[in-house]
Amino acid sequence: MSTDQGIEQSSERAWFKSSYSGTSGGDCVEVAAGTEAVYVRDSKAVGSGPVLRVGRDEWAAFVTHVK
C-alpha cells in the first residue's frame, strides 16, 4: 500500500463515490480500479489530496473482511 500525489489523480481513471456518501458533502470516499491496483481518494480533495494505492489482492481481502 502506498500514497501518491499528482499522477494517480489521472482523469483517465473511472472514479466511483461510495454509496454511503451523502449529497450534502461530509465524509466521501471515491474508488477507482486499475489493472494492478485499486485507488482510493477523498472526494473533497480531488486534485490536491493524496491517493491511496492498494494491491488488488489486498483490496479483495479488505472487502471480504468488512462484509
Protein backbone atom coordinates (compact mmCIF):
# COMPACT_ATOMS: atom_id res chain seq x y z
CA MET A 1 0.00 0.00 0.00
CA SER A 2 1.28 3.46 -0.79
CA THR A 3 0.14 7.03 -1.19
CA ASP A 4 0.80 9.07 -4.28
CA GLN A 5 0.04 12.57 -5.47
CA GLY A 6 -0.24 14.01 -8.94
CA ILE A 7 -0.01 11.17 -11.43
CA GLU A 8 -2.53 8.99 -9.56
CA GLN A 9 -5.10 11.79 -9.85
CA SER A 10 -5.37 10.99 -13.55
CA SER A 11 -8.68 11.87 -15.16
CA GLU A 12 -8.34 8.61 -17.12
CA ARG A 13 -9.48 6.64 -14.08
CA ALA A 14 -13.18 5.97 -13.59
CA TRP A 15 -13.83 7.10 -10.01
CA PHE A 16 -16.87 5.89 -8.08
CA LYS A 17 -18.20 7.57 -4.95
CA SER A 18 -19.26 5.40 -2.04
CA SER A 19 -22.99 4.70 -1.94
CA TYR A 20 -22.83 5.68 1.75
CA SER A 21 -21.69 9.21 0.88
CA GLY A 22 -24.41 11.78 1.29
CA THR A 23 -25.28 14.56 -1.14
CA SER A 24 -24.55 17.31 1.39
CA GLY A 25 -20.79 16.80 1.50
CA GLY A 26 -19.23 15.30 4.60
CA ASP A 27 -17.19 12.13 4.54
CA CYS A 28 -16.89 10.99 0.93
CA VAL A 29 -14.63 8.28 -0.43
CA GLU A 30 -14.04 7.52 -4.10
CA VAL A 31 -12.52 4.35 -5.53
CA ALA A 32 -11.05 3.56 -8.96
CA ALA A 33 -9.92 0.12 -10.11
CA GLY A 34 -6.72 -0.16 -12.13
CA THR A 35 -5.21 -3.23 -13.77
CA GLU A 36 -2.83 -3.94 -10.87
CA ALA A 37 -4.20 -1.82 -8.03
CA VAL A 38 -7.24 -0.14 -6.54
CA TYR A 39 -7.04 3.59 -5.82
CA VAL A 40 -8.86 5.39 -3.00
CA ARG A 41 -9.16 9.15 -2.52
CA ASP A 42 -11.09 11.75 -0.55
CA SER A 43 -13.65 13.29 -2.90
CA LYS A 44 -13.32 16.62 -1.09
CA ALA A 45 -9.63 16.84 -2.03
CA VAL A 46 -9.68 15.78 -5.68
CA GLY A 47 -6.57 17.10 -7.41
CA SER A 48 -4.92 18.29 -4.20
CA GLY A 49 -5.03 15.33 -1.83
CA PRO A 50 -3.18 12.03 -1.78
CA VAL A 51 -4.39 8.83 -3.40
CA LEU A 52 -4.05 5.54 -1.58
CA ARG A 53 -2.89 2.72 -3.87
CA VAL A 54 -3.74 -0.82 -2.70
CA GLY A 55 -2.88 -4.06 -4.48
CA ARG A 56 -5.88 -5.88 -5.94
CA ASP A 57 -5.35 -8.95 -3.71
CA GLU A 58 -5.12 -6.76 -0.61
CA TRP A 59 -8.26 -4.86 -1.66
CA ALA A 60 -10.17 -8.13 -2.16
CA ALA A 61 -9.10 -9.28 1.32
CA PHE A 62 -10.21 -5.93 2.80
CA VAL A 63 -13.63 -6.10 1.11
CA THR A 64 -14.13 -9.70 2.23
CA HIS A 65 -13.25 -8.74 5.80
CA VAL A 66 -15.64 -5.76 6.02
CA LYS A 67 -18.64 -7.60 4.56
